[in-house]
N, C-alpha and C. Protein backbone atom coordinates (compact mmCIF):
# COMPACT_ATOMS: atom_id res chain seq x y z
N MET A 1 -48.19 8.90 16.30
CA MET A 1 -48.28 7.71 15.49
C MET A 1 -47.23 7.77 14.39
N GLU A 2 -46.54 6.68 14.18
CA GLU A 2 -45.48 6.60 13.19
C GLU A 2 -46.06 6.37 11.80
N LYS A 3 -45.50 7.09 10.81
CA LYS A 3 -45.97 6.95 9.43
C LYS A 3 -45.52 5.60 8.87
N VAL A 4 -46.45 4.91 8.21
CA VAL A 4 -46.14 3.62 7.59
C VAL A 4 -45.50 3.90 6.24
N MET A 5 -44.34 3.29 6.02
CA MET A 5 -43.62 3.46 4.76
C MET A 5 -44.13 2.44 3.74
N GLU A 6 -44.30 2.90 2.51
CA GLU A 6 -44.68 2.02 1.42
C GLU A 6 -43.41 1.64 0.66
N LYS A 7 -43.30 0.36 0.32
CA LYS A 7 -42.15 -0.14 -0.43
C LYS A 7 -42.59 -0.32 -1.88
N VAL A 8 -41.92 0.45 -2.78
CA VAL A 8 -42.31 0.46 -4.19
C VAL A 8 -41.12 0.00 -5.02
N ARG A 9 -41.33 -1.04 -5.85
CA ARG A 9 -40.26 -1.50 -6.75
C ARG A 9 -40.12 -0.49 -7.88
N ILE A 10 -38.87 -0.06 -8.12
CA ILE A 10 -38.64 0.94 -9.17
C ILE A 10 -37.79 0.43 -10.32
N ALA A 11 -37.01 -0.63 -10.09
CA ALA A 11 -36.13 -1.10 -11.16
C ALA A 11 -35.48 -2.42 -10.76
N SER A 12 -34.86 -3.02 -11.74
CA SER A 12 -33.93 -4.11 -11.49
C SER A 12 -32.57 -3.44 -11.34
N ILE A 13 -31.70 -3.98 -10.52
CA ILE A 13 -30.39 -3.37 -10.31
C ILE A 13 -29.63 -3.25 -11.63
N GLN A 14 -29.87 -4.19 -12.57
CA GLN A 14 -29.21 -4.13 -13.87
C GLN A 14 -29.72 -2.97 -14.73
N ASP A 15 -30.91 -2.43 -14.40
CA ASP A 15 -31.47 -1.30 -15.15
C ASP A 15 -30.82 0.03 -14.80
N LEU A 16 -30.06 0.05 -13.72
CA LEU A 16 -29.45 1.30 -13.26
C LEU A 16 -28.00 1.36 -13.73
N PRO A 17 -27.69 2.33 -14.58
CA PRO A 17 -26.30 2.47 -15.03
C PRO A 17 -25.42 2.96 -13.88
N GLU A 18 -24.22 2.42 -13.77
CA GLU A 18 -23.31 2.83 -12.70
C GLU A 18 -22.79 4.24 -12.95
N LYS A 19 -22.76 5.05 -11.89
CA LYS A 19 -22.25 6.42 -11.91
C LYS A 19 -23.03 7.34 -12.85
N MET A 20 -24.31 7.01 -13.07
CA MET A 20 -25.19 7.85 -13.88
C MET A 20 -26.55 7.86 -13.20
N GLY A 21 -27.34 8.87 -13.54
CA GLY A 21 -28.67 8.97 -12.96
C GLY A 21 -29.73 8.39 -13.86
N LYS A 22 -30.85 8.05 -13.25
CA LYS A 22 -32.01 7.58 -13.99
C LYS A 22 -33.24 8.26 -13.39
N THR A 23 -34.07 8.85 -14.24
CA THR A 23 -35.30 9.48 -13.77
C THR A 23 -36.35 8.40 -13.53
N VAL A 24 -36.97 8.44 -12.35
CA VAL A 24 -37.99 7.47 -11.98
C VAL A 24 -39.18 8.24 -11.42
N ARG A 25 -40.36 7.89 -11.87
CA ARG A 25 -41.59 8.50 -11.34
C ARG A 25 -42.29 7.50 -10.43
N VAL A 26 -42.68 7.99 -9.25
CA VAL A 26 -43.47 7.20 -8.30
C VAL A 26 -44.64 8.10 -7.90
N GLY A 27 -45.80 7.83 -8.46
CA GLY A 27 -46.95 8.70 -8.21
C GLY A 27 -46.63 10.10 -8.70
N GLU A 28 -46.76 11.09 -7.80
CA GLU A 28 -46.48 12.49 -8.13
C GLU A 28 -44.99 12.83 -8.03
N LEU A 29 -44.19 11.92 -7.47
CA LEU A 29 -42.77 12.19 -7.27
C LEU A 29 -41.96 11.92 -8.53
N GLU A 30 -41.03 12.83 -8.82
CA GLU A 30 -40.04 12.57 -9.87
C GLU A 30 -38.68 12.54 -9.19
N LEU A 31 -38.03 11.38 -9.26
CA LEU A 31 -36.79 11.16 -8.53
C LEU A 31 -35.63 10.92 -9.48
N ALA A 32 -34.44 11.25 -8.99
CA ALA A 32 -33.20 10.88 -9.65
C ALA A 32 -32.61 9.72 -8.83
N VAL A 33 -32.43 8.58 -9.48
CA VAL A 33 -31.91 7.39 -8.80
C VAL A 33 -30.51 7.13 -9.35
N PHE A 34 -29.59 6.86 -8.43
CA PHE A 34 -28.18 6.67 -8.80
C PHE A 34 -27.66 5.35 -8.24
N LYS A 35 -26.91 4.61 -9.08
CA LYS A 35 -26.11 3.48 -8.58
C LYS A 35 -24.67 3.99 -8.57
N LEU A 36 -24.18 4.24 -7.36
CA LEU A 36 -22.86 4.83 -7.19
C LEU A 36 -21.76 3.81 -7.50
N GLY A 37 -20.55 4.29 -7.64
CA GLY A 37 -19.41 3.43 -7.93
C GLY A 37 -19.17 2.36 -6.89
N ASN A 38 -19.60 2.63 -5.63
CA ASN A 38 -19.44 1.65 -4.55
C ASN A 38 -20.59 0.66 -4.49
N GLY A 39 -21.54 0.75 -5.45
CA GLY A 39 -22.67 -0.17 -5.52
C GLY A 39 -23.90 0.30 -4.77
N LYS A 40 -23.77 1.33 -3.95
CA LYS A 40 -24.90 1.85 -3.18
C LYS A 40 -25.89 2.53 -4.13
N VAL A 41 -27.19 2.35 -3.86
CA VAL A 41 -28.23 3.00 -4.64
C VAL A 41 -28.83 4.13 -3.79
N THR A 42 -28.92 5.33 -4.38
CA THR A 42 -29.48 6.49 -3.70
C THR A 42 -30.59 7.10 -4.55
N ALA A 43 -31.50 7.82 -3.89
CA ALA A 43 -32.60 8.46 -4.61
C ALA A 43 -32.85 9.83 -4.00
N ILE A 44 -32.93 10.84 -4.87
CA ILE A 44 -33.18 12.20 -4.43
C ILE A 44 -34.21 12.85 -5.35
N GLU A 45 -34.76 13.95 -4.88
CA GLU A 45 -35.64 14.78 -5.70
C GLU A 45 -34.89 15.12 -6.98
N ASN A 46 -35.59 15.12 -8.11
CA ASN A 46 -34.93 15.26 -9.41
C ASN A 46 -34.82 16.71 -9.88
N ARG A 47 -34.92 17.68 -9.00
CA ARG A 47 -34.82 19.08 -9.39
C ARG A 47 -33.83 19.80 -8.48
N CYS A 48 -32.86 20.47 -9.08
CA CYS A 48 -31.90 21.27 -8.33
C CYS A 48 -32.65 22.45 -7.69
N PRO A 49 -32.33 22.77 -6.42
CA PRO A 49 -33.02 23.88 -5.76
C PRO A 49 -32.65 25.24 -6.33
N HIS A 50 -31.62 25.31 -7.15
CA HIS A 50 -31.17 26.59 -7.71
C HIS A 50 -32.10 27.05 -8.83
N LYS A 51 -32.12 26.33 -9.93
CA LYS A 51 -32.93 26.73 -11.10
C LYS A 51 -33.72 25.55 -11.67
N GLY A 52 -33.86 24.46 -10.91
CA GLY A 52 -34.67 23.34 -11.35
C GLY A 52 -34.02 22.40 -12.33
N GLY A 53 -32.70 22.39 -12.40
CA GLY A 53 -32.00 21.47 -13.31
C GLY A 53 -32.35 20.02 -13.00
N VAL A 54 -32.40 19.18 -14.03
CA VAL A 54 -32.73 17.76 -13.88
C VAL A 54 -31.49 17.02 -13.38
N LEU A 55 -31.51 16.64 -12.11
CA LEU A 55 -30.32 16.06 -11.49
C LEU A 55 -29.95 14.69 -12.05
N ALA A 56 -30.91 13.94 -12.55
CA ALA A 56 -30.61 12.63 -13.15
C ALA A 56 -29.70 12.77 -14.37
N GLU A 57 -29.64 13.97 -14.94
CA GLU A 57 -28.79 14.22 -16.11
C GLU A 57 -27.42 14.78 -15.72
N GLY A 58 -27.16 14.91 -14.43
CA GLY A 58 -25.90 15.47 -13.96
C GLY A 58 -24.76 14.47 -13.97
N ILE A 59 -23.56 14.99 -13.73
CA ILE A 59 -22.36 14.16 -13.65
C ILE A 59 -22.20 13.68 -12.22
N VAL A 60 -21.97 12.38 -12.05
CA VAL A 60 -21.82 11.78 -10.72
C VAL A 60 -20.34 11.62 -10.41
N SER A 61 -19.97 12.04 -9.18
CA SER A 61 -18.61 11.87 -8.69
C SER A 61 -18.70 11.44 -7.24
N GLY A 62 -18.28 10.21 -6.96
CA GLY A 62 -18.40 9.69 -5.60
C GLY A 62 -19.86 9.63 -5.20
N GLU A 63 -20.21 10.30 -4.07
CA GLU A 63 -21.60 10.33 -3.60
C GLU A 63 -22.29 11.64 -3.98
N HIS A 64 -21.75 12.37 -4.94
CA HIS A 64 -22.30 13.67 -5.32
C HIS A 64 -22.72 13.67 -6.79
N VAL A 65 -23.68 14.55 -7.09
CA VAL A 65 -24.08 14.79 -8.47
C VAL A 65 -23.94 16.29 -8.72
N PHE A 66 -23.46 16.63 -9.90
CA PHE A 66 -23.31 18.02 -10.30
C PHE A 66 -24.47 18.38 -11.22
N CYS A 67 -25.23 19.40 -10.83
CA CYS A 67 -26.37 19.83 -11.63
C CYS A 67 -25.90 20.18 -13.04
N PRO A 68 -26.61 19.69 -14.07
CA PRO A 68 -26.18 19.96 -15.44
C PRO A 68 -26.37 21.42 -15.87
N MET A 69 -27.14 22.20 -15.13
CA MET A 69 -27.37 23.59 -15.54
C MET A 69 -26.28 24.55 -15.06
N HIS A 70 -25.96 24.50 -13.77
CA HIS A 70 -25.02 25.48 -13.22
C HIS A 70 -23.97 24.85 -12.31
N ASP A 71 -23.82 23.52 -12.39
CA ASP A 71 -22.74 22.82 -11.72
C ASP A 71 -22.82 22.83 -10.19
N TRP A 72 -24.01 23.04 -9.62
CA TRP A 72 -24.12 22.92 -8.17
C TRP A 72 -23.85 21.48 -7.78
N LYS A 73 -23.11 21.28 -6.70
CA LYS A 73 -22.72 19.95 -6.22
C LYS A 73 -23.67 19.55 -5.09
N ILE A 74 -24.37 18.42 -5.28
CA ILE A 74 -25.38 17.96 -4.33
C ILE A 74 -25.06 16.54 -3.89
N CYS A 75 -25.09 16.32 -2.58
CA CYS A 75 -24.82 14.99 -2.03
C CYS A 75 -26.04 14.10 -2.27
N THR A 76 -25.83 12.93 -2.85
CA THR A 76 -26.95 12.03 -3.15
C THR A 76 -27.38 11.22 -1.93
N THR A 77 -26.63 11.28 -0.83
CA THR A 77 -27.03 10.52 0.35
C THR A 77 -27.81 11.35 1.36
N ASP A 78 -27.50 12.65 1.47
CA ASP A 78 -28.24 13.48 2.43
C ASP A 78 -28.97 14.66 1.79
N GLY A 79 -28.79 14.86 0.49
CA GLY A 79 -29.51 15.91 -0.23
C GLY A 79 -28.95 17.32 -0.06
N GLN A 80 -27.85 17.48 0.66
CA GLN A 80 -27.31 18.80 0.94
C GLN A 80 -26.50 19.33 -0.25
N VAL A 81 -26.78 20.59 -0.57
CA VAL A 81 -25.98 21.31 -1.56
C VAL A 81 -24.65 21.65 -0.88
N GLN A 82 -23.56 21.51 -1.60
CA GLN A 82 -22.24 21.74 -1.04
C GLN A 82 -21.83 23.20 -1.18
N ALA A 83 -21.09 23.70 -0.19
CA ALA A 83 -20.61 25.08 -0.16
C ALA A 83 -19.75 25.34 -1.40
N PRO A 84 -19.77 26.55 -1.92
CA PRO A 84 -20.32 27.77 -1.32
C PRO A 84 -21.81 27.95 -1.55
N ASP A 85 -22.44 27.07 -2.33
CA ASP A 85 -23.87 27.18 -2.57
C ASP A 85 -24.63 26.61 -1.38
N VAL A 86 -25.91 26.95 -1.26
CA VAL A 86 -26.71 26.48 -0.12
C VAL A 86 -28.05 25.96 -0.61
N GLY A 87 -28.61 25.03 0.14
CA GLY A 87 -29.91 24.46 -0.15
C GLY A 87 -29.89 22.96 0.04
N CYS A 88 -31.00 22.33 -0.28
CA CYS A 88 -31.07 20.87 -0.18
C CYS A 88 -32.21 20.35 -1.05
N VAL A 89 -32.16 19.06 -1.31
CA VAL A 89 -33.24 18.36 -2.00
C VAL A 89 -33.69 17.22 -1.09
N SER A 90 -34.91 16.77 -1.30
CA SER A 90 -35.42 15.65 -0.52
C SER A 90 -34.69 14.37 -0.92
N THR A 91 -34.49 13.50 0.06
CA THR A 91 -33.88 12.20 -0.19
C THR A 91 -34.89 11.10 0.12
N TYR A 92 -34.68 9.95 -0.50
CA TYR A 92 -35.58 8.81 -0.31
C TYR A 92 -34.73 7.57 -0.12
N LYS A 93 -35.16 6.70 0.79
CA LYS A 93 -34.40 5.49 1.08
C LYS A 93 -34.62 4.46 -0.02
N ALA A 94 -33.52 3.98 -0.57
CA ALA A 94 -33.56 2.92 -1.58
C ALA A 94 -32.95 1.66 -0.98
N VAL A 95 -33.57 0.53 -1.23
CA VAL A 95 -33.05 -0.75 -0.76
C VAL A 95 -33.00 -1.72 -1.94
N VAL A 96 -31.99 -2.58 -1.91
CA VAL A 96 -31.83 -3.60 -2.95
C VAL A 96 -32.07 -4.95 -2.29
N GLU A 97 -33.01 -5.69 -2.86
CA GLU A 97 -33.31 -7.05 -2.39
C GLU A 97 -33.22 -7.96 -3.60
N ASN A 98 -32.28 -8.91 -3.52
CA ASN A 98 -31.96 -9.76 -4.66
C ASN A 98 -31.56 -8.83 -5.81
N ASP A 99 -32.27 -8.83 -6.92
CA ASP A 99 -31.92 -7.94 -8.04
C ASP A 99 -32.88 -6.77 -8.15
N ASP A 100 -33.81 -6.63 -7.22
CA ASP A 100 -34.82 -5.59 -7.29
C ASP A 100 -34.45 -4.39 -6.43
N VAL A 101 -34.75 -3.19 -6.96
CA VAL A 101 -34.52 -1.94 -6.23
C VAL A 101 -35.88 -1.40 -5.80
N PHE A 102 -36.00 -1.09 -4.51
CA PHE A 102 -37.24 -0.56 -3.95
C PHE A 102 -36.97 0.79 -3.33
N LEU A 103 -37.99 1.64 -3.35
CA LEU A 103 -37.97 2.88 -2.59
C LEU A 103 -38.92 2.75 -1.44
N LEU A 104 -38.52 3.32 -0.29
CA LEU A 104 -39.42 3.40 0.85
C LEU A 104 -39.94 4.83 0.89
N ILE A 105 -41.24 4.98 0.64
CA ILE A 105 -41.82 6.33 0.62
C ILE A 105 -42.99 6.43 1.57
């Protein structure tokens, strides 16, 4: 049986600063939500797998965020930590409808 996804409104597109992260809580989840320079909205787990750095506070470059604690580079679209470091964070699908941003969880 396929899991039913819940669509949760998290923000207005204007609430998301471009090329910066925003911490969003959905139930027990704490997410880092990014509006990238290309306009795409991405959402990932808000903790770096290395030492738990808050990824929403990291520097965004392209589709990556650099952890503010130890500069680990993490892809905001697939959650993969970039070499030479290893690991990953959970990713969540974000969709924009009109001016509203939703997460599918």
